[in-house]
Protein backbone atom coordinates (compact mmCIF):
# COMPACT_ATOMS: atom_id res chain seq x y z
CA MET A 1 1.52 35.38 -7.22
CA ARG A 2 4.82 35.59 -5.49
CA THR A 3 7.46 37.64 -6.40
CA ALA A 4 10.15 36.57 -3.65
CA PHE A 5 12.71 35.03 -6.11
CA GLY A 6 12.97 36.48 -9.93
CA LEU A 7 12.07 33.82 -12.57
CA ALA A 8 15.08 34.11 -15.28
CA MET A 9 12.92 32.06 -17.66
CA ALA A 10 9.83 33.56 -18.82
CA ALA A 11 8.97 30.95 -21.49
CA SER A 12 6.81 28.20 -20.34
CA ILE A 13 9.35 25.04 -20.27
CA ALA A 14 6.78 22.10 -20.63
CA VAL A 15 8.38 18.64 -18.50
CA ALA A 16 6.32 15.71 -19.07
CA LEU A 17 6.01 13.70 -15.54
CA PHE A 18 3.42 11.15 -16.48
CA ALA A 19 5.24 9.32 -19.29
CA GLY A 20 5.22 6.31 -16.87
CA ALA A 21 3.68 4.62 -13.69
CA PRO A 22 4.75 6.33 -10.80
CA ALA A 23 6.99 5.07 -8.93
CA ARG A 24 5.49 4.63 -5.37
CA ALA A 25 1.90 3.84 -7.19
CA ALA A 26 3.24 1.20 -9.81
CA ASP A 27 3.58 -1.23 -6.62
CA LEU A 28 -0.06 -0.89 -5.95
CA TYR A 29 -0.58 -2.51 -9.52
CA THR A 30 1.19 -5.79 -8.82
CA VAL A 31 -0.45 -8.72 -6.12
CA LYS A 32 2.36 -10.60 -4.78
CA GLY A 33 2.14 -14.43 -3.75
CA VAL A 34 -1.13 -15.20 -5.40
CA HIS A 35 -1.40 -19.12 -4.36
CA VAL A 36 -2.43 -21.70 -7.06
CA ASP A 37 -2.88 -25.42 -6.79
CA GLN A 38 -4.01 -27.17 -10.53
CA THR A 39 -4.11 -30.91 -11.80
CA ALA A 40 -4.61 -31.57 -15.49
CA LYS A 41 -3.30 -34.52 -17.74
CA SER A 42 0.28 -32.65 -18.05
CA SER A 43 2.13 -30.21 -15.82
CA ALA A 44 2.41 -27.98 -18.72
CA GLU A 45 -1.40 -27.94 -19.17
CA ALA A 46 -1.95 -27.59 -15.57
CA ARG A 47 0.67 -24.77 -15.06
CA THR A 48 -1.19 -22.59 -18.02
CA ILE A 49 -4.54 -23.20 -16.02
CA ALA A 50 -3.06 -22.34 -12.84
CA GLN A 51 -1.79 -19.04 -14.44
CA GLY A 52 -5.00 -18.43 -15.95
CA GLU A 53 -6.26 -18.55 -12.37
CA ALA A 54 -3.74 -16.64 -10.63
CA GLN A 55 -4.12 -13.43 -13.23
CA SER A 56 -8.01 -13.84 -12.25
CA LEU A 57 -7.46 -13.79 -8.67
CA ALA A 58 -4.94 -11.11 -8.47
CA LEU A 59 -7.20 -8.56 -10.52
CA ALA A 60 -9.91 -9.23 -8.08
CA ASP A 61 -7.76 -8.70 -5.16
CA LEU A 62 -6.46 -5.76 -6.90
CA LEU A 63 -9.64 -3.96 -7.46
CA LYS A 64 -11.09 -4.36 -3.88
CA ARG A 65 -7.28 -3.17 -2.97
CA LEU A 66 -8.15 0.35 -5.02
CA THR A 67 -11.86 0.83 -3.75
CA LEU A 68 -13.69 1.00 -0.86
CA PRO A 69 -15.90 -1.68 0.24
CA GLU A 70 -19.54 -0.28 -0.18
CA ASP A 71 -18.39 -0.11 -3.85
CA TRP A 72 -17.28 -3.77 -4.23
CA PRO A 73 -20.70 -4.80 -5.20
CA SER A 74 -20.44 -3.19 -8.32
CA LEU A 75 -16.92 -4.46 -9.22
CA PRO A 76 -16.63 -5.97 -12.90
CA GLN A 77 -17.13 -9.59 -12.98
CA VAL A 78 -13.28 -10.78 -13.31
CA ASP A 79 -12.78 -13.93 -16.00
CA GLY A 80 -9.85 -15.34 -17.46
CA ARG A 81 -10.38 -12.60 -20.56
CA THR A 82 -10.49 -9.51 -18.82
CA ALA A 83 -7.43 -10.32 -16.32
CA SER A 84 -5.16 -11.33 -19.58
CA ASP A 85 -6.40 -7.96 -21.11
CA ALA A 86 -5.23 -6.21 -18.02
CA VAL A 87 -1.80 -8.18 -17.03
CA ARG A 88 1.44 -6.36 -17.70
CA GLY A 89 3.42 -9.28 -16.70
CA PHE A 90 3.90 -12.14 -13.75
CA ALA A 91 6.70 -13.42 -12.31
CA VAL A 92 7.17 -16.90 -10.32
CA ALA A 93 7.68 -16.50 -6.37
CA SER A 94 8.15 -20.74 -5.91
CA GLU A 95 6.67 -23.62 -7.73
CA LYS A 96 6.26 -27.42 -7.80
CA THR A 97 5.53 -29.53 -10.18
CA SER A 98 4.50 -33.44 -10.78
CA SER A 99 4.07 -35.35 -13.82
CA THR A 100 0.11 -33.51 -13.63
CA ARG A 101 0.18 -30.99 -11.12
CA TYR A 102 1.31 -27.66 -10.66
CA ILE A 103 1.73 -25.48 -7.13
CA ALA A 104 3.07 -22.32 -7.21
CA ASP A 105 2.96 -18.65 -6.00
CA LEU A 106 3.21 -15.81 -8.29
CA ASN A 107 3.43 -12.48 -8.82
CA VAL A 108 1.34 -10.35 -10.91
CA SER A 109 1.68 -6.63 -12.07
CA PHE A 110 -1.62 -5.19 -14.11
CA GLN A 111 -1.33 -2.32 -16.34
CA PRO A 112 -2.49 0.76 -14.55
CA GLU A 113 -4.25 2.77 -17.09
CA THR A 114 -6.51 -0.44 -17.99
CA VAL A 115 -7.49 -1.07 -14.83
CA ARG A 116 -8.25 2.45 -14.64
CA ARG A 117 -10.93 2.03 -17.37
CA MET A 118 -12.13 -0.30 -15.63
CA LEU A 119 -13.08 1.51 -12.84
CA ARG A 120 -13.93 4.66 -14.50
CA ALA A 121 -16.71 3.03 -17.24
CA ARG A 122 -18.33 2.34 -13.69
CA ASN A 123 -18.02 5.62 -11.85
CA ILE A 124 -16.56 3.38 -9.13
CA PRO A 125 -13.76 5.98 -7.22
CA TYR A 126 -10.34 4.59 -6.61
CA GLY A 127 -7.41 5.41 -4.75
CA GLU A 128 -4.10 5.12 -5.65
CA THR A 129 -1.84 7.16 -2.95
CA GLN A 130 0.06 4.88 -0.61
CA ALA A 131 0.67 6.20 2.76
CA LYS A 132 4.21 6.28 4.17
CA PRO A 133 5.26 2.73 5.32
CA ALA A 134 4.16 1.58 9.18
CA VAL A 135 6.08 -0.80 11.00
CA LEU A 136 4.37 -3.70 11.83
CA LEU A 137 4.59 -5.27 15.30
CA ALA A 138 2.82 -9.10 15.23
CA VAL A 139 1.56 -10.12 19.27
CA LEU A 140 0.45 -13.35 19.85
CA ASP A 141 -1.26 -14.50 22.76
CA LYS A 142 -1.77 -18.31 23.18
CA GLY A 143 -1.68 -20.57 26.12
CA GLY A 144 -0.90 -17.89 28.46
CA ALA A 145 1.89 -16.57 26.73
CA ARG A 146 2.91 -13.53 24.62
CA ILE A 147 5.07 -14.10 21.47
CA LEU A 148 6.40 -11.22 19.65
CA TRP A 149 9.88 -11.74 18.91
CA GLU A 150 10.28 -15.46 19.48
CA ASP A 151 11.61 -17.66 16.43
CA GLN A 152 8.24 -19.29 16.46
CA ASN A 153 5.39 -16.70 15.96
CA PRO A 154 3.18 -18.28 13.39
CA TRP A 155 1.31 -14.81 13.67
CA ARG A 156 3.89 -12.99 12.50
CA ASP A 157 4.69 -15.58 9.88
CA ALA A 158 0.89 -15.40 8.54
CA TRP A 159 1.49 -11.34 7.70
CA ALA A 160 5.24 -12.22 6.38
CA ALA A 161 3.22 -14.30 3.56
CA VAL A 162 0.98 -11.46 2.97
CA ASP A 163 2.11 -8.61 0.28
CA ILE A 164 2.39 -6.06 3.16
CA ALA A 165 4.90 -3.81 1.02
CA ASP A 166 2.18 -3.03 -1.51
CA ALA A 167 -0.88 -2.34 0.47
CA MET A 168 -2.51 1.08 0.45
CA THR A 169 -1.12 1.35 4.02
CA PRO A 170 1.98 -0.68 3.62
CA LEU A 171 3.70 -2.27 6.31
CA VAL A 172 7.44 -2.95 6.77
CA MET A 173 8.20 -6.50 9.05
CA PRO A 174 10.86 -5.64 11.28
CA MET A 175 14.15 -7.47 11.72
CA GLY A 176 13.77 -8.68 15.55
CA ASP A 177 17.23 -8.47 16.39
CA VAL A 178 18.77 -8.04 20.01
CA GLN A 179 18.32 -4.00 20.18
CA GLU A 180 14.78 -4.68 18.94
CA PHE A 181 13.84 -7.09 21.79
CA THR A 182 14.69 -4.70 24.30
CA THR A 183 13.20 -1.54 22.57
CA VAL A 184 9.40 -2.66 22.61
CA THR A 185 8.25 -5.86 24.85
CA GLY A 186 5.12 -7.72 23.50
CA ALA A 187 3.56 -5.73 26.80
CA GLN A 188 4.94 -2.84 25.49
CA ALA A 189 3.35 -3.15 21.98
CA VAL A 190 -0.21 -4.24 23.31
CA ALA A 191 -0.17 -1.66 25.87
CA GLY A 192 0.40 1.15 22.91
CA ASP A 193 3.51 2.16 25.11
CA LYS A 194 4.32 5.67 23.26
CA ALA A 195 7.96 5.89 23.59
CA ALA A 196 8.79 2.18 23.03
CA LEU A 197 6.62 2.40 19.66
CA ALA A 198 8.15 6.08 18.51
CA ALA A 199 11.98 4.48 18.97
CA LEU A 200 11.25 1.77 16.73
CA ALA A 201 9.57 3.66 14.19
CA ALA A 202 12.63 5.76 14.45
CA ARG A 203 14.69 3.15 13.62
CA TYR A 204 13.31 2.45 10.39
CA GLY A 205 12.64 5.70 9.43
CA ALA A 206 8.91 5.63 10.19
CA ASP A 207 6.21 7.75 11.56
CA SER A 208 3.98 5.07 12.62
CA VAL A 209 3.47 1.63 13.88
CA VAL A 210 1.01 -0.90 13.63
CA VAL A 211 0.33 -3.73 16.06
CA ALA A 212 -1.57 -6.58 15.18
CA HIS A 213 -2.53 -8.76 18.42
CA GLY A 214 -4.34 -11.83 18.24
CA VAL A 215 -5.16 -13.93 20.65
CA THR A 216 -6.08 -17.64 19.79
CA ASP A 217 -7.27 -20.52 21.94
CA ALA A 218 -4.86 -23.61 22.77
CA ALA A 219 -6.51 -25.70 20.31
CA GLY A 220 -5.72 -22.87 17.59
CA THR A 221 -9.34 -22.98 15.65
CA LYS A 222 -10.43 -19.24 16.68
CA LEU A 223 -8.53 -15.90 16.40
CA ASP A 224 -9.44 -12.67 17.65
CA VAL A 225 -7.61 -9.98 16.31
CA THR A 226 -7.42 -6.06 17.21
CA VAL A 227 -5.43 -3.90 14.72
CA THR A 228 -4.38 -0.46 16.25
CA ARG A 229 -1.83 2.10 14.32
CA TYR A 230 0.09 4.46 16.54
CA ASP A 231 0.90 8.03 14.67
CA PRO A 232 2.72 10.68 16.33
CA SER A 233 -0.61 12.14 17.16
CA GLY A 234 -1.91 9.13 18.88
CA PRO A 235 -3.90 5.87 18.23
CA GLY A 236 -6.25 5.45 15.93
CA THR A 237 -9.74 3.84 16.49
CA PRO A 238 -8.81 -0.18 16.57
CA ILE A 239 -10.03 -2.50 14.11
CA HIS A 240 -11.54 -5.74 15.68
CA ALA A 241 -12.54 -9.05 14.08
CA THR A 242 -13.11 -12.62 14.92
CA PHE A 243 -11.89 -15.66 12.64
CA GLN A 244 -12.47 -19.24 12.61
CA ALA A 245 -10.44 -22.35 11.39
CA ALA A 246 -11.78 -24.67 9.10
CA GLY A 247 -10.95 -28.27 9.61
CA ALA A 248 -9.89 -30.24 12.42
CA ALA A 249 -8.01 -28.46 15.04
CA GLN A 250 -5.00 -31.19 14.79
CA ASN A 251 -4.16 -29.93 11.33
CA GLY A 252 -1.22 -27.37 11.70
CA ASP A 253 -1.93 -25.80 8.52
CA ALA A 254 -5.38 -25.08 9.59
CA PHE A 255 -4.24 -22.24 12.04
CA MET A 256 -1.92 -20.86 9.26
CA ILE A 257 -4.79 -20.66 6.58
CA MET A 258 -6.89 -18.99 9.17
CA ALA A 259 -3.65 -16.13 10.41
CA LYS A 260 -2.94 -15.83 6.65
CA SER A 261 -6.64 -14.93 5.94
CA ALA A 262 -6.92 -12.86 8.96
CA ALA A 263 -3.67 -10.79 7.96
CA SER A 264 -5.26 -10.50 4.54
CA SER A 265 -8.42 -9.17 5.57
CA MET A 266 -6.83 -6.47 8.50
CA LEU A 267 -4.73 -5.11 5.97
CA LEU A 268 -7.45 -4.31 3.48
CA ALA A 269 -9.50 -3.08 6.78
CA LEU A 270 -6.65 -0.59 8.02
CA GLY A 271 -6.37 0.84 4.41
CA GLU A 272 -9.80 1.76 4.34
CA PRO A 273 -9.96 5.54 6.14
CA TRP A 274 -6.76 6.09 4.42
CA LYS A 275 -8.60 5.53 0.89
CA ARG A 276 -11.64 7.53 1.83
CA GLU A 277 -8.95 10.46 2.10
CA THR A 278 -7.57 9.82 -1.06
CA VAL A 279 -10.24 8.14 -3.42
CA VAL A 280 -10.48 10.17 -7.04
CA ARG A 281 -14.01 10.52 -8.14
CA ALA A 282 -15.60 10.84 -11.33
CA GLY A 283 -15.09 14.26 -13.09
CA GLU A 284 -12.49 15.57 -10.17
CA GLN A 285 -9.56 17.14 -12.48
CA ALA A 286 -7.82 20.62 -11.44
CA GLN A 287 -5.04 22.89 -12.41
CA LEU A 288 -3.32 24.88 -9.72
CA THR A 289 -0.08 27.28 -10.33
CA ALA A 290 2.59 26.93 -7.41
CA SER A 291 5.37 28.92 -6.45
CA VAL A 292 8.54 26.30 -5.52
CA PHE A 293 11.26 26.97 -2.91
CA TYR A 294 14.50 25.64 -2.54
CA SER A 295 17.94 26.46 -1.57
CA THR A 296 19.71 23.84 -3.79
CA LEU A 297 19.60 22.21 -7.35
CA ASP A 298 19.14 18.91 -5.44
CA GLN A 299 16.10 20.11 -3.60
CA TRP A 300 14.48 21.27 -6.70
CA GLU A 301 15.44 17.69 -8.03
CA ALA A 302 13.87 16.20 -5.34
CA ILE A 303 10.91 18.18 -5.48
CA ARG A 304 10.36 17.82 -8.93
CA LYS A 305 10.60 13.78 -9.09
CA ALA A 306 7.94 13.73 -5.86
CA VAL A 307 5.47 15.97 -8.25
CA GLY A 308 6.34 13.59 -10.99
CA ASN A 309 5.91 10.29 -9.00
CA THR A 310 2.85 11.52 -7.51
CA PRO A 311 0.03 9.27 -8.86
CA LEU A 312 -2.65 11.97 -8.93
CA VAL A 313 -0.37 14.35 -11.02
CA GLU A 314 -0.69 14.32 -15.00
CA SER A 315 1.41 16.71 -15.64
CA MET A 316 3.79 19.73 -14.28
CA GLN A 317 4.90 22.83 -16.51
CA ILE A 318 7.63 25.27 -15.54
CA GLU A 319 6.52 28.68 -15.77
CA GLY A 320 9.81 30.15 -14.92
CA ILE A 321 12.67 28.91 -12.90
CA ALA A 322 15.79 30.47 -10.94
CA ALA A 323 18.48 29.64 -8.47
CA ASN A 324 16.46 28.99 -5.61
CA GLY A 325 12.52 29.10 -6.71
CA ALA A 326 10.54 27.92 -9.82
CA GLU A 327 6.78 28.87 -10.76
CA VAL A 328 4.88 25.63 -12.08
CA ASP A 329 1.61 24.94 -13.44
CA ILE A 330 0.39 21.70 -12.11
CA ARG A 331 -2.42 19.24 -13.80
CA TYR A 332 -4.02 17.04 -11.23
CA ARG A 333 -7.21 14.34 -10.42
CA GLY A 334 -8.80 14.79 -7.07
CA THR A 335 -9.25 17.67 -4.97
CA PRO A 336 -6.44 20.27 -3.86
CA ASP A 337 -6.63 18.19 -0.46
CA THR A 338 -6.12 14.88 -1.94
CA LEU A 339 -3.51 16.01 -3.59
CA VAL A 340 -1.94 17.70 -0.31
CA LEU A 341 -1.67 14.19 1.10
CA SER A 342 -0.37 12.88 -1.88
CA LEU A 343 2.39 14.83 -2.09
CA ALA A 344 2.95 14.81 1.76
CA GLN A 345 3.88 10.92 1.51
CA SER A 346 6.92 12.15 -0.68
CA ASN A 347 7.45 14.62 2.08
CA VAL A 348 6.50 17.57 -0.34
CA ALA A 349 4.76 20.16 1.40
CA LEU A 350 1.61 22.36 -0.60
CA ALA A 351 0.08 24.70 1.15
CA GLN A 352 -2.19 27.73 0.03
CA ASP A 353 -1.83 31.04 1.89
CA ALA A 354 -2.81 34.66 0.81
CA ASP A 355 0.10 34.75 -1.82
CA GLY A 356 -1.33 31.75 -3.19
CA TRP A 357 0.14 28.05 -3.25
CA SER A 358 3.67 27.07 -2.64
CA LEU A 359 5.59 23.67 -2.42
CA HIS A 360 9.02 22.91 -0.83
CA LEU A 361 10.66 20.07 1.06
CA LYS A 362 9.29 19.31 4.28
């Protein structure tokens, strides 16, 4: 145990930090942009049917978001009752109605603990730690032209229609202003130009850039996609996939449907390595005591909030506190390694040395 600072309070002070859903993880339990299109005897009946369908679709997507591909066959079957029991609320992003038809995009939120119970009951490991956001560059090669910042970039539009902010590895769409035109070109993005990508990431306070490079034929019936994440340590392993449009090549909607499906699939694939590092398995619960180091009360508050907003943390108890340090007991789910990764996403470093565990702002 460290003694570098005096502990002004010997008595334990219990701090309830897990009273609600963590700020970062709460977004994981919202699925945005669920598209529904239903026809019935009346618009009201069509709306009711569509909302039930949206809940079921959203829950199925959420379960895949939180879990590993090899566990998807074991996921619970989602029916209307299962989805309804898990829903926390929903909002209408857009809608159109007629006398008998209802078309909408809905955002559906779920109760975290209800979803966790579904997965625990089947002994399915799941992750709740979002990585830090990365900046997304959607580059499209079509008919000999390479498109990135141009207004007419249907590949970028497809990614914008996908819920990239609430993924396990969330993405940020850049503004695409004049400065960014000159910071990164399409050629530099595809080549993985380290300096150019780092400059763009810095503009958004990010560490990483994800380049989604799509290549399509002149008719727009096939899309070859390569997605690569560029971190400060270098490029990750590229993810490749090919998608085929359904319907006639002349149908303008066919490309967009294909592109949206491709973006959704690649977003899931992009999050898979991260989930493998952060999933929590049954029975992985532990406790550790850590010394917290800070220079100001604002730093202490930032650390305290970061620990409280970390989805793995169930509770933190303050054993003692002083002007420049504290000692805390943390109960958490997962392993020490997953807790270290989870806290790092909030810029808090958890480390262990000969003196024990310590916490401080990065």
